[in-house]
Structure formats: C-alpha cells, structure tokens
Amino acid sequence: LITVFFFWGFVAASNGIFIPFCKTHFQ
C-alpha cells in the first residue's frame, strides 16, 4: 500500500524543478 505514498511525494516535490523548466521553455 505505501508505494502510493512514495509517488505523491515524488511528483509533488518535482514541481520545484519542473516549474522553472516550463517557464523557460514556454516563455
């Protein structure tokens, strides 16, 4: 069951990297 808990944290925390990437790519 707790594998899904890992996914929530993994994806949510990744937004901090993904946001500046999208900011640059999509201007």
mmCIF file of all heavy atoms, coordinates in Angstrom:
data_MODEL
# 
_entry.id   MODEL 
# 
loop_
_atom_site.group_PDB 
_atom_site.id 
_atom_site.type_symbol 
_atom_site.label_atom_id 
_atom_site.label_alt_id 
_atom_site.label_comp_id 
_atom_site.label_asym_id 
_atom_site.label_entity_id 
_atom_site.label_seq_id 
_atom_site.pdbx_PDB_ins_code 
_atom_site.Cartn_x 
_atom_site.Cartn_y 
_atom_site.Cartn_z 
_atom_site.occupancy 
_atom_site.B_iso_or_equiv 
_atom_site.pdbx_formal_charge 
_atom_site.auth_seq_id 
_atom_site.auth_comp_id 
_atom_site.auth_asym_id 
_atom_site.auth_atom_id 
_atom_site.pdbx_PDB_model_num 
ATOM 1   N N   . LEU A 1 1  ? 0.811  -1.215 0.000   1.00 0.00 ? 1  LEU A N   1 
ATOM 2   C CA  . LEU A 1 1  ? 0.000  0.000  0.000   1.00 0.00 ? 1  LEU A CA  1 
ATOM 3   C C   . LEU A 1 1  ? 0.844  1.264  0.000   1.00 0.00 ? 1  LEU A C   1 
ATOM 4   O O   . LEU A 1 1  ? 0.524  2.236  -0.701  1.00 0.00 ? 1  LEU A O   1 
ATOM 5   C CB  . LEU A 1 1  ? -0.933 -0.012 1.218   1.00 0.00 ? 1  LEU A CB  1 
ATOM 6   C CG  . LEU A 1 1  ? -1.809 1.229  1.434   1.00 0.00 ? 1  LEU A CG  1 
ATOM 7   C CD1 . LEU A 1 1  ? -2.728 1.459  0.240   1.00 0.00 ? 1  LEU A CD1 1 
ATOM 8   C CD2 . LEU A 1 1  ? -2.636 1.088  2.706   1.00 0.00 ? 1  LEU A CD2 1 
ATOM 9   N N   . ILE A 1 2  ? 1.919  1.268  0.787   1.00 0.00 ? 2  ILE A N   1 
ATOM 10  C CA  . ILE A 1 2  ? 2.634  2.534  0.969   1.00 0.00 ? 2  ILE A CA  1 
ATOM 11  C C   . ILE A 1 2  ? 3.464  2.942  -0.246  1.00 0.00 ? 2  ILE A C   1 
ATOM 12  O O   . ILE A 1 2  ? 4.046  4.031  -0.248  1.00 0.00 ? 2  ILE A O   1 
ATOM 13  C CB  . ILE A 1 2  ? 3.536  2.507  2.225   1.00 0.00 ? 2  ILE A CB  1 
ATOM 14  C CG1 . ILE A 1 2  ? 4.580  1.397  2.144   1.00 0.00 ? 2  ILE A CG1 1 
ATOM 15  C CG2 . ILE A 1 2  ? 2.698  2.381  3.480   1.00 0.00 ? 2  ILE A CG2 1 
ATOM 16  C CD1 . ILE A 1 2  ? 5.522  1.380  3.337   1.00 0.00 ? 2  ILE A CD1 1 
ATOM 17  N N   . THR A 1 3  ? 3.494  2.114  -1.298  1.00 0.00 ? 3  THR A N   1 
ATOM 18  C CA  . THR A 1 3  ? 4.158  2.553  -2.533  1.00 0.00 ? 3  THR A CA  1 
ATOM 19  C C   . THR A 1 3  ? 3.500  3.814  -3.090  1.00 0.00 ? 3  THR A C   1 
ATOM 20  O O   . THR A 1 3  ? 4.186  4.676  -3.657  1.00 0.00 ? 3  THR A O   1 
ATOM 21  C CB  . THR A 1 3  ? 4.129  1.451  -3.605  1.00 0.00 ? 3  THR A CB  1 
ATOM 22  O OG1 . THR A 1 3  ? 2.772  1.040  -3.825  1.00 0.00 ? 3  THR A OG1 1 
ATOM 23  C CG2 . THR A 1 3  ? 4.958  0.247  -3.194  1.00 0.00 ? 3  THR A CG2 1 
ATOM 24  N N   . VAL A 1 4  ? 2.169  3.954  -2.939  1.00 0.00 ? 4  VAL A N   1 
ATOM 25  C CA  . VAL A 1 4  ? 1.497  5.140  -3.482  1.00 0.00 ? 4  VAL A CA  1 
ATOM 26  C C   . VAL A 1 4  ? 1.876  6.393  -2.705  1.00 0.00 ? 4  VAL A C   1 
ATOM 27  O O   . VAL A 1 4  ? 1.901  7.488  -3.266  1.00 0.00 ? 4  VAL A O   1 
ATOM 28  C CB  . VAL A 1 4  ? -0.041 4.959  -3.504  1.00 0.00 ? 4  VAL A CB  1 
ATOM 29  C CG1 . VAL A 1 4  ? -0.446 3.829  -4.433  1.00 0.00 ? 4  VAL A CG1 1 
ATOM 30  C CG2 . VAL A 1 4  ? -0.610 4.736  -2.116  1.00 0.00 ? 4  VAL A CG2 1 
ATOM 31  N N   . PHE A 1 5  ? 2.198  6.241  -1.412  1.00 0.00 ? 5  PHE A N   1 
ATOM 32  C CA  . PHE A 1 5  ? 2.642  7.390  -0.633  1.00 0.00 ? 5  PHE A CA  1 
ATOM 33  C C   . PHE A 1 5  ? 3.944  7.950  -1.208  1.00 0.00 ? 5  PHE A C   1 
ATOM 34  O O   . PHE A 1 5  ? 4.155  9.160  -1.224  1.00 0.00 ? 5  PHE A O   1 
ATOM 35  C CB  . PHE A 1 5  ? 2.852  6.994  0.834   1.00 0.00 ? 5  PHE A CB  1 
ATOM 36  C CG  . PHE A 1 5  ? 1.579  6.810  1.613   1.00 0.00 ? 5  PHE A CG  1 
ATOM 37  C CD1 . PHE A 1 5  ? 0.818  5.656  1.497   1.00 0.00 ? 5  PHE A CD1 1 
ATOM 38  C CD2 . PHE A 1 5  ? 1.142  7.795  2.484   1.00 0.00 ? 5  PHE A CD2 1 
ATOM 39  C CE1 . PHE A 1 5  ? -0.348 5.481  2.224   1.00 0.00 ? 5  PHE A CE1 1 
ATOM 40  C CE2 . PHE A 1 5  ? -0.027 7.631  3.227   1.00 0.00 ? 5  PHE A CE2 1 
ATOM 41  C CZ  . PHE A 1 5  ? -0.779 6.476  3.085   1.00 0.00 ? 5  PHE A CZ  1 
ATOM 42  N N   . PHE A 1 6  ? 4.815  7.065  -1.676  1.00 0.00 ? 6  PHE A N   1 
ATOM 43  C CA  . PHE A 1 6  ? 6.068  7.493  -2.287  1.00 0.00 ? 6  PHE A CA  1 
ATOM 44  C C   . PHE A 1 6  ? 5.804  8.317  -3.543  1.00 0.00 ? 6  PHE A C   1 
ATOM 45  O O   . PHE A 1 6  ? 6.422  9.365  -3.751  1.00 0.00 ? 6  PHE A O   1 
ATOM 46  C CB  . PHE A 1 6  ? 6.911  6.266  -2.629  1.00 0.00 ? 6  PHE A CB  1 
ATOM 47  C CG  . PHE A 1 6  ? 8.219  6.598  -3.301  1.00 0.00 ? 6  PHE A CG  1 
ATOM 48  C CD1 . PHE A 1 6  ? 9.341  6.885  -2.543  1.00 0.00 ? 6  PHE A CD1 1 
ATOM 49  C CD2 . PHE A 1 6  ? 8.328  6.617  -4.684  1.00 0.00 ? 6  PHE A CD2 1 
ATOM 50  C CE1 . PHE A 1 6  ? 10.558 7.191  -3.155  1.00 0.00 ? 6  PHE A CE1 1 
ATOM 51  C CE2 . PHE A 1 6  ? 9.526  6.926  -5.296  1.00 0.00 ? 6  PHE A CE2 1 
ATOM 52  C CZ  . PHE A 1 6  ? 10.650 7.213  -4.535  1.00 0.00 ? 6  PHE A CZ  1 
ATOM 53  N N   . PHE A 1 7  ? 4.871  7.861  -4.380  1.00 0.00 ? 7  PHE A N   1 
ATOM 54  C CA  . PHE A 1 7  ? 4.568  8.564  -5.630  1.00 0.00 ? 7  PHE A CA  1 
ATOM 55  C C   . PHE A 1 7  ? 4.070  9.983  -5.372  1.00 0.00 ? 7  PHE A C   1 
ATOM 56  O O   . PHE A 1 7  ? 4.455  10.916 -6.081  1.00 0.00 ? 7  PHE A O   1 
ATOM 57  C CB  . PHE A 1 7  ? 3.510  7.799  -6.437  1.00 0.00 ? 7  PHE A CB  1 
ATOM 58  C CG  . PHE A 1 7  ? 4.049  6.593  -7.153  1.00 0.00 ? 7  PHE A CG  1 
ATOM 59  C CD1 . PHE A 1 7  ? 3.335  5.405  -7.172  1.00 0.00 ? 7  PHE A CD1 1 
ATOM 60  C CD2 . PHE A 1 7  ? 5.264  6.647  -7.819  1.00 0.00 ? 7  PHE A CD2 1 
ATOM 61  C CE1 . PHE A 1 7  ? 3.816  4.294  -7.834  1.00 0.00 ? 7  PHE A CE1 1 
ATOM 62  C CE2 . PHE A 1 7  ? 5.758  5.535  -8.485  1.00 0.00 ? 7  PHE A CE2 1 
ATOM 63  C CZ  . PHE A 1 7  ? 5.037  4.354  -8.495  1.00 0.00 ? 7  PHE A CZ  1 
ATOM 64  N N   . TRP A 1 8  ? 3.190  10.163 -4.382  1.00 0.00 ? 8  TRP A N   1 
ATOM 65  C CA  . TRP A 1 8  ? 2.656  11.507 -4.116  1.00 0.00 ? 8  TRP A CA  1 
ATOM 66  C C   . TRP A 1 8  ? 3.793  12.469 -3.815  1.00 0.00 ? 8  TRP A C   1 
ATOM 67  O O   . TRP A 1 8  ? 3.833  13.579 -4.348  1.00 0.00 ? 8  TRP A O   1 
ATOM 68  C CB  . TRP A 1 8  ? 1.706  11.490 -2.926  1.00 0.00 ? 8  TRP A CB  1 
ATOM 69  C CG  . TRP A 1 8  ? 0.580  10.527 -3.003  1.00 0.00 ? 8  TRP A CG  1 
ATOM 70  C CD1 . TRP A 1 8  ? 0.018  9.998  -4.135  1.00 0.00 ? 8  TRP A CD1 1 
ATOM 71  C CD2 . TRP A 1 8  ? -0.133 9.945  -1.902  1.00 0.00 ? 8  TRP A CD2 1 
ATOM 72  N NE1 . TRP A 1 8  ? -0.987 9.135  -3.801  1.00 0.00 ? 8  TRP A NE1 1 
ATOM 73  C CE2 . TRP A 1 8  ? -1.099 9.084  -2.439  1.00 0.00 ? 8  TRP A CE2 1 
ATOM 74  C CE3 . TRP A 1 8  ? -0.042 10.078 -0.524  1.00 0.00 ? 8  TRP A CE3 1 
ATOM 75  C CZ2 . TRP A 1 8  ? -1.977 8.354  -1.636  1.00 0.00 ? 8  TRP A CZ2 1 
ATOM 76  C CZ3 . TRP A 1 8  ? -0.905 9.351  0.281   1.00 0.00 ? 8  TRP A CZ3 1 
ATOM 77  C CH2 . TRP A 1 8  ? -1.865 8.506  -0.274  1.00 0.00 ? 8  TRP A CH2 1 
ATOM 78  N N   . GLY A 1 9  ? 4.698  12.046 -2.947  1.00 0.00 ? 9  GLY A N   1 
ATOM 79  C CA  . GLY A 1 9  ? 5.807  12.911 -2.590  1.00 0.00 ? 9  GLY A CA  1 
ATOM 80  C C   . GLY A 1 9  ? 6.758  13.145 -3.745  1.00 0.00 ? 9  GLY A C   1 
ATOM 81  O O   . GLY A 1 9  ? 7.222  14.269 -3.977  1.00 0.00 ? 9  GLY A O   1 
ATOM 82  N N   . PHE A 1 10 ? 7.046  12.101 -4.505  1.00 0.00 ? 10 PHE A N   1 
ATOM 83  C CA  . PHE A 1 10 ? 7.983  12.182 -5.625  1.00 0.00 ? 10 PHE A CA  1 
ATOM 84  C C   . PHE A 1 10 ? 7.519  13.207 -6.655  1.00 0.00 ? 10 PHE A C   1 
ATOM 85  O O   . PHE A 1 10 ? 8.293  14.068 -7.078  1.00 0.00 ? 10 PHE A O   1 
ATOM 86  C CB  . PHE A 1 10 ? 8.112  10.798 -6.275  1.00 0.00 ? 10 PHE A CB  1 
ATOM 87  C CG  . PHE A 1 10 ? 9.142  10.717 -7.367  1.00 0.00 ? 10 PHE A CG  1 
ATOM 88  C CD1 . PHE A 1 10 ? 10.422 10.265 -7.089  1.00 0.00 ? 10 PHE A CD1 1 
ATOM 89  C CD2 . PHE A 1 10 ? 8.832  11.075 -8.668  1.00 0.00 ? 10 PHE A CD2 1 
ATOM 90  C CE1 . PHE A 1 10 ? 11.380 10.183 -8.090  1.00 0.00 ? 10 PHE A CE1 1 
ATOM 91  C CE2 . PHE A 1 10 ? 9.779  10.995 -9.678  1.00 0.00 ? 10 PHE A CE2 1 
ATOM 92  C CZ  . PHE A 1 10 ? 11.063 10.548 -9.389  1.00 0.00 ? 10 PHE A CZ  1 
ATOM 93  N N   . VAL A 1 11 ? 6.260  13.122 -7.060  1.00 0.00 ? 11 VAL A N   1 
ATOM 94  C CA  . VAL A 1 11 ? 5.757  14.003 -8.121  1.00 0.00 ? 11 VAL A CA  1 
ATOM 95  C C   . VAL A 1 11 ? 5.556  15.426 -7.604  1.00 0.00 ? 11 VAL A C   1 
ATOM 96  O O   . VAL A 1 11 ? 5.936  16.400 -8.271  1.00 0.00 ? 11 VAL A O   1 
ATOM 97  C CB  . VAL A 1 11 ? 4.443  13.442 -8.712  1.00 0.00 ? 11 VAL A CB  1 
ATOM 98  C CG1 . VAL A 1 11 ? 3.854  14.415 -9.737  1.00 0.00 ? 11 VAL A CG1 1 
ATOM 99  C CG2 . VAL A 1 11 ? 4.696  12.091 -9.365  1.00 0.00 ? 11 VAL A CG2 1 
ATOM 100 N N   . ALA A 1 12 ? 4.954  15.573 -6.409  1.00 0.00 ? 12 ALA A N   1 
ATOM 101 C CA  . ALA A 1 12 ? 4.680  16.915 -5.880  1.00 0.00 ? 12 ALA A CA  1 
ATOM 102 C C   . ALA A 1 12 ? 5.966  17.708 -5.686  1.00 0.00 ? 12 ALA A C   1 
ATOM 103 O O   . ALA A 1 12 ? 6.049  18.889 -6.045  1.00 0.00 ? 12 ALA A O   1 
ATOM 104 C CB  . ALA A 1 12 ? 3.910  16.818 -4.566  1.00 0.00 ? 12 ALA A CB  1 
ATOM 105 N N   . ALA A 1 13 ? 7.006  17.071 -5.128  1.00 0.00 ? 13 ALA A N   1 
ATOM 106 C CA  . ALA A 1 13 ? 8.265  17.777 -4.885  1.00 0.00 ? 13 ALA A CA  1 
ATOM 107 C C   . ALA A 1 13 ? 8.993  18.092 -6.177  1.00 0.00 ? 13 ALA A C   1 
ATOM 108 O O   . ALA A 1 13 ? 9.776  19.046 -6.242  1.00 0.00 ? 13 ALA A O   1 
ATOM 109 C CB  . ALA A 1 13 ? 9.154  16.948 -3.958  1.00 0.00 ? 13 ALA A CB  1 
ATOM 110 N N   . SER A 1 14 ? 8.741  17.300 -7.216  1.00 0.00 ? 14 SER A N   1 
ATOM 111 C CA  . SER A 1 14 ? 9.406  17.523 -8.505  1.00 0.00 ? 14 SER A CA  1 
ATOM 112 C C   . SER A 1 14 ? 8.938  18.797 -9.191  1.00 0.00 ? 14 SER A C   1 
ATOM 113 O O   . SER A 1 14 ? 9.618  19.297 -10.095 1.00 0.00 ? 14 SER A O   1 
ATOM 114 C CB  . SER A 1 14 ? 9.156  16.327 -9.428  1.00 0.00 ? 14 SER A CB  1 
ATOM 115 O OG  . SER A 1 14 ? 9.613  15.134 -8.838  1.00 0.00 ? 14 SER A OG  1 
ATOM 116 N N   . ASN A 1 15 ? 7.792  19.315 -8.769  1.00 0.00 ? 15 ASN A N   1 
ATOM 117 C CA  . ASN A 1 15 ? 7.283  20.536 -9.395  1.00 0.00 ? 15 ASN A CA  1 
ATOM 118 C C   . ASN A 1 15 ? 8.272  21.691 -9.268  1.00 0.00 ? 15 ASN A C   1 
ATOM 119 O O   . ASN A 1 15 ? 8.331  22.565 -10.130 1.00 0.00 ? 15 ASN A O   1 
ATOM 120 C CB  . ASN A 1 15 ? 5.944  20.941 -8.773  1.00 0.00 ? 15 ASN A CB  1 
ATOM 121 C CG  . ASN A 1 15 ? 4.812  20.007 -9.170  1.00 0.00 ? 15 ASN A CG  1 
ATOM 122 O OD1 . ASN A 1 15 ? 4.989  19.136 -10.019 1.00 0.00 ? 15 ASN A OD1 1 
ATOM 123 N ND2 . ASN A 1 15 ? 3.661  20.175 -8.554  1.00 0.00 ? 15 ASN A ND2 1 
ATOM 124 N N   . GLY A 1 16 ? 9.051  21.699 -8.179  1.00 0.00 ? 16 GLY A N   1 
ATOM 125 C CA  . GLY A 1 16 ? 10.020 22.762 -7.987  1.00 0.00 ? 16 GLY A CA  1 
ATOM 126 C C   . GLY A 1 16 ? 11.084 22.790 -9.071  1.00 0.00 ? 16 GLY A C   1 
ATOM 127 O O   . GLY A 1 16 ? 11.676 23.846 -9.342  1.00 0.00 ? 16 GLY A O   1 
ATOM 128 N N   . ILE A 1 17 ? 11.379 21.645 -9.694  1.00 0.00 ? 17 ILE A N   1 
ATOM 129 C CA  . ILE A 1 17 ? 12.317 21.573 -10.819 1.00 0.00 ? 17 ILE A CA  1 
ATOM 130 C C   . ILE A 1 17 ? 11.584 21.826 -12.128 1.00 0.00 ? 17 ILE A C   1 
ATOM 131 O O   . ILE A 1 17 ? 12.074 22.511 -13.028 1.00 0.00 ? 17 ILE A O   1 
ATOM 132 C CB  . ILE A 1 17 ? 13.003 20.182 -10.864 1.00 0.00 ? 17 ILE A CB  1 
ATOM 133 C CG1 . ILE A 1 17 ? 13.740 19.914 -9.547  1.00 0.00 ? 17 ILE A CG1 1 
ATOM 134 C CG2 . ILE A 1 17 ? 13.947 20.082 -12.051 1.00 0.00 ? 17 ILE A CG2 1 
ATOM 135 C CD1 . ILE A 1 17 ? 14.875 20.862 -9.259  1.00 0.00 ? 17 ILE A CD1 1 
ATOM 136 N N   . PHE A 1 18 ? 10.378 21.275 -12.227 1.00 0.00 ? 18 PHE A N   1 
ATOM 137 C CA  . PHE A 1 18 ? 9.621  21.338 -13.476 1.00 0.00 ? 18 PHE A CA  1 
ATOM 138 C C   . PHE A 1 18 ? 9.129  22.749 -13.775 1.00 0.00 ? 18 PHE A C   1 
ATOM 139 O O   . PHE A 1 18 ? 9.051  23.162 -14.943 1.00 0.00 ? 18 PHE A O   1 
ATOM 140 C CB  . PHE A 1 18 ? 8.442  20.366 -13.379 1.00 0.00 ? 18 PHE A CB  1 
ATOM 141 C CG  . PHE A 1 18 ? 7.845  20.001 -14.710 1.00 0.00 ? 18 PHE A CG  1 
ATOM 142 C CD1 . PHE A 1 18 ? 8.576  19.254 -15.617 1.00 0.00 ? 18 PHE A CD1 1 
ATOM 143 C CD2 . PHE A 1 18 ? 6.571  20.403 -15.057 1.00 0.00 ? 18 PHE A CD2 1 
ATOM 144 C CE1 . PHE A 1 18 ? 8.029  18.909 -16.848 1.00 0.00 ? 18 PHE A CE1 1 
ATOM 145 C CE2 . PHE A 1 18 ? 6.023  20.072 -16.271 1.00 0.00 ? 18 PHE A CE2 1 
ATOM 146 C CZ  . PHE A 1 18 ? 6.755  19.313 -17.172 1.00 0.00 ? 18 PHE A CZ  1 
ATOM 147 N N   . ILE A 1 19 ? 8.795  23.520 -12.735 1.00 0.00 ? 19 ILE A N   1 
ATOM 148 C CA  . ILE A 1 19 ? 8.257  24.873 -12.931 1.00 0.00 ? 19 ILE A CA  1 
ATOM 149 C C   . ILE A 1 19 ? 9.239  25.792 -13.647 1.00 0.00 ? 19 ILE A C   1 
ATOM 150 O O   . ILE A 1 19 ? 8.886  26.399 -14.668 1.00 0.00 ? 19 ILE A O   1 
ATOM 151 C CB  . ILE A 1 19 ? 7.789  25.468 -11.589 1.00 0.00 ? 19 ILE A CB  1 
ATOM 152 C CG1 . ILE A 1 19 ? 6.464  24.825 -11.162 1.00 0.00 ? 19 ILE A CG1 1 
ATOM 153 C CG2 . ILE A 1 19 ? 7.618  26.983 -11.679 1.00 0.00 ? 19 ILE A CG2 1 
ATOM 154 C CD1 . ILE A 1 19 ? 6.028  25.173 -9.749  1.00 0.00 ? 19 ILE A CD1 1 
ATOM 155 N N   . PRO A 1 20 ? 10.485 25.953 -13.164 1.00 0.00 ? 20 PRO A N   1 
ATOM 156 C CA  . PRO A 1 20 ? 11.402 26.825 -13.891 1.00 0.00 ? 20 PRO A CA  1 
ATOM 157 C C   . PRO A 1 20 ? 11.742 26.313 -15.286 1.00 0.00 ? 20 PRO A C   1 
ATOM 158 O O   . PRO A 1 20 ? 12.005 27.107 -16.198 1.00 0.00 ? 20 PRO A O   1 
ATOM 159 C CB  . PRO A 1 20 ? 12.650 26.886 -12.995 1.00 0.00 ? 20 PRO A CB  1 
ATOM 160 C CG  . PRO A 1 20 ? 12.535 25.743 -12.067 1.00 0.00 ? 20 PRO A CG  1 
ATOM 161 C CD  . PRO A 1 20 ? 11.071 25.478 -11.898 1.00 0.00 ? 20 PRO A CD  1 
ATOM 162 N N   . PHE A 1 21 ? 11.741 24.982 -15.471 1.00 0.00 ? 21 PHE A N   1 
ATOM 163 C CA  . PHE A 1 21 ? 11.959 24.421 -16.806 1.00 0.00 ? 21 PHE A CA  1 
ATOM 164 C C   . PHE A 1 21 ? 10.858 24.862 -17.765 1.00 0.00 ? 21 PHE A C   1 
ATOM 165 O O   . PHE A 1 21 ? 11.120 25.328 -18.874 1.00 0.00 ? 21 PHE A O   1 
ATOM 166 C CB  . PHE A 1 21 ? 12.025 22.895 -16.723 1.00 0.00 ? 21 PHE A CB  1 
ATOM 167 C CG  . PHE A 1 21 ? 11.984 22.220 -18.070 1.00 0.00 ? 21 PHE A CG  1 
ATOM 168 C CD1 . PHE A 1 21 ? 13.093 22.247 -18.894 1.00 0.00 ? 21 PHE A CD1 1 
ATOM 169 C CD2 . PHE A 1 21 ? 10.841 21.574 -18.518 1.00 0.00 ? 21 PHE A CD2 1 
ATOM 170 C CE1 . PHE A 1 21 ? 13.068 21.639 -20.142 1.00 0.00 ? 21 PHE A CE1 1 
ATOM 171 C CE2 . PHE A 1 21 ? 10.794 20.967 -19.753 1.00 0.00 ? 21 PHE A CE2 1 
ATOM 172 C CZ  . PHE A 1 21 ? 11.917 20.986 -20.574 1.00 0.00 ? 21 PHE A CZ  1 
ATOM 173 N N   . CYS A 1 22 ? 9.594  24.720 -17.332 1.00 0.00 ? 22 CYS A N   1 
ATOM 174 C CA  . CYS A 1 22 ? 8.469  25.131 -18.182 1.00 0.00 ? 22 CYS A CA  1 
ATOM 175 C C   . CYS A 1 22 ? 8.465  26.639 -18.415 1.00 0.00 ? 22 CYS A C   1 
ATOM 176 O O   . CYS A 1 22 ? 8.100  27.113 -19.492 1.00 0.00 ? 22 CYS A O   1 
ATOM 177 C CB  . CYS A 1 22 ? 7.141  24.699 -17.555 1.00 0.00 ? 22 CYS A CB  1 
ATOM 178 S SG  . CYS A 1 22 ? 6.773  22.943 -17.742 1.00 0.00 ? 22 CYS A SG  1 
ATOM 179 N N   . LYS A 1 23 ? 8.882  27.394 -17.387 1.00 0.00 ? 23 LYS A N   1 
ATOM 180 C CA  . LYS A 1 23 ? 8.929  28.850 -17.522 1.00 0.00 ? 23 LYS A CA  1 
ATOM 181 C C   . LYS A 1 23 ? 9.852  29.254 -18.658 1.00 0.00 ? 23 LYS A C   1 
ATOM 182 O O   . LYS A 1 23 ? 9.533  30.134 -19.466 1.00 0.00 ? 23 LYS A O   1 
ATOM 183 C CB  . LYS A 1 23 ? 9.384  29.485 -16.212 1.00 0.00 ? 23 LYS A CB  1 
ATOM 184 C CG  . LYS A 1 23 ? 9.423  31.014 -16.249 1.00 0.00 ? 23 LYS A CG  1 
ATOM 185 C CD  . LYS A 1 23 ? 9.912  31.606 -14.941 1.00 0.00 ? 23 LYS A CD  1 
ATOM 186 C CE  . LYS A 1 23 ? 9.966  33.130 -15.023 1.00 0.00 ? 23 LYS A CE  1 
ATOM 187 N NZ  . LYS A 1 23 ? 10.480 33.728 -13.760 1.00 0.00 ? 23 LYS A NZ  1 
ATOM 188 N N   . THR A 1 24 ? 10.999 28.577 -18.738 1.00 0.00 ? 24 THR A N   1 
ATOM 189 C CA  . THR A 1 24 ? 11.961 28.875 -19.806 1.00 0.00 ? 24 THR A CA  1 
ATOM 190 C C   . THR A 1 24 ? 11.471 28.373 -21.149 1.00 0.00 ? 24 THR A C   1 
ATOM 191 O O   . THR A 1 24 ? 11.502 29.097 -22.150 1.00 0.00 ? 24 THR A O   1 
ATOM 192 C CB  . THR A 1 24 ? 13.330 28.239 -19.477 1.00 0.00 ? 24 THR A CB  1 
ATOM 193 O OG1 . THR A 1 24 ? 13.808 28.777 -18.247 1.00 0.00 ? 24 THR A OG1 1 
ATOM 194 C CG2 . THR A 1 24 ? 14.336 28.504 -20.582 1.00 0.00 ? 24 THR A CG2 1 
ATOM 195 N N   . HIS A 1 25 ? 10.991 27.129 -21.192 1.00 0.00 ? 25 HIS A N   1 
ATOM 196 C CA  . HIS A 1 25 ? 10.612 26.525 -22.465 1.00 0.00 ? 25 HIS A CA  1 
ATOM 197 C C   . HIS A 1 25 ? 9.407  27.212 -23.107 1.00 0.00 ? 25 HIS A C   1 
ATOM 198 O O   . HIS A 1 25 ? 9.406  27.469 -24.320 1.00 0.00 ? 25 HIS A O   1 
ATOM 199 C CB  . HIS A 1 25 ? 10.305 25.036 -22.286 1.00 0.00 ? 25 HIS A CB  1 
ATOM 200 C CG  . HIS A 1 25 ? 9.920  24.364 -23.567 1.00 0.00 ? 25 HIS A CG  1 
ATOM 201 N ND1 . HIS A 1 25 ? 10.856 23.923 -24.476 1.00 0.00 ? 25 HIS A ND1 1 
ATOM 202 C CD2 . HIS A 1 25 ? 8.703  24.097 -24.112 1.00 0.00 ? 25 HIS A CD2 1 
ATOM 203 C CE1 . HIS A 1 25 ? 10.233 23.397 -25.522 1.00 0.00 ? 25 HIS A CE1 1 
ATOM 204 N NE2 . HIS A 1 25 ? 8.935  23.484 -25.319 1.00 0.00 ? 25 HIS A NE2 1 
ATOM 205 N N   . PHE A 1 26 ? 8.395  27.506 -22.300 1.00 0.00 ? 26 PHE A N   1 
ATOM 206 C CA  . PHE A 1 26 ? 7.175  28.106 -22.845 1.00 0.00 ? 26 PHE A CA  1 
ATOM 207 C C   . PHE A 1 26 ? 7.182  29.632 -22.754 1.00 0.00 ? 26 PHE A C   1 
ATOM 208 O O   . PHE A 1 26 ? 6.182  30.271 -23.102 1.00 0.00 ? 26 PHE A O   1 
ATOM 209 C CB  . PHE A 1 26 ? 5.945  27.556 -22.104 1.00 0.00 ? 26 PHE A CB  1 
ATOM 210 C CG  . PHE A 1 26 ? 5.658  26.109 -22.398 1.00 0.00 ? 26 PHE A CG  1 
ATOM 211 C CD1 . PHE A 1 26 ? 5.932  25.126 -21.456 1.00 0.00 ? 26 PHE A CD1 1 
ATOM 212 C CD2 . PHE A 1 26 ? 5.118  25.717 -23.615 1.00 0.00 ? 26 PHE A CD2 1 
ATOM 213 C CE1 . PHE A 1 26 ? 5.667  23.791 -21.710 1.00 0.00 ? 26 PHE A CE1 1 
ATOM 214 C CE2 . PHE A 1 26 ? 4.845  24.382 -23.888 1.00 0.00 ? 26 PHE A CE2 1 
ATOM 215 C CZ  . PHE A 1 26 ? 5.124  23.420 -22.935 1.00 0.00 ? 26 PHE A CZ  1 
ATOM 216 N N   . GLN A 1 27 ? 8.302  30.202 -22.279 1.00 0.00 ? 27 GLN A N   1 
ATOM 217 C CA  . GLN A 1 27 ? 8.455  31.656 -22.160 1.00 0.00 ? 27 GLN A CA  1 
ATOM 218 C C   . GLN A 1 27 ? 7.315  32.267 -21.335 1.00 0.00 ? 27 GLN A C   1 
ATOM 219 O O   . GLN A 1 27 ? 6.592  33.148 -21.784 1.00 0.00 ? 27 GLN A O   1 
ATOM 220 C CB  . GLN A 1 27 ? 8.535  32.302 -23.555 1.00 0.00 ? 27 GLN A CB  1 
ATOM 221 C CG  . GLN A 1 27 ? 9.729  31.809 -24.365 1.00 0.00 ? 27 GLN A CG  1 
ATOM 222 C CD  . GLN A 1 27 ? 9.821  32.451 -25.731 1.00 0.00 ? 27 GLN A CD  1 
ATOM 223 O OE1 . GLN A 1 27 ? 8.824  32.893 -26.299 1.00 0.00 ? 27 GLN A OE1 1 
ATOM 224 N NE2 . GLN A 1 27 ? 11.030 32.507 -26.271 1.00 0.00 ? 27 GLN A NE2 1 
# 
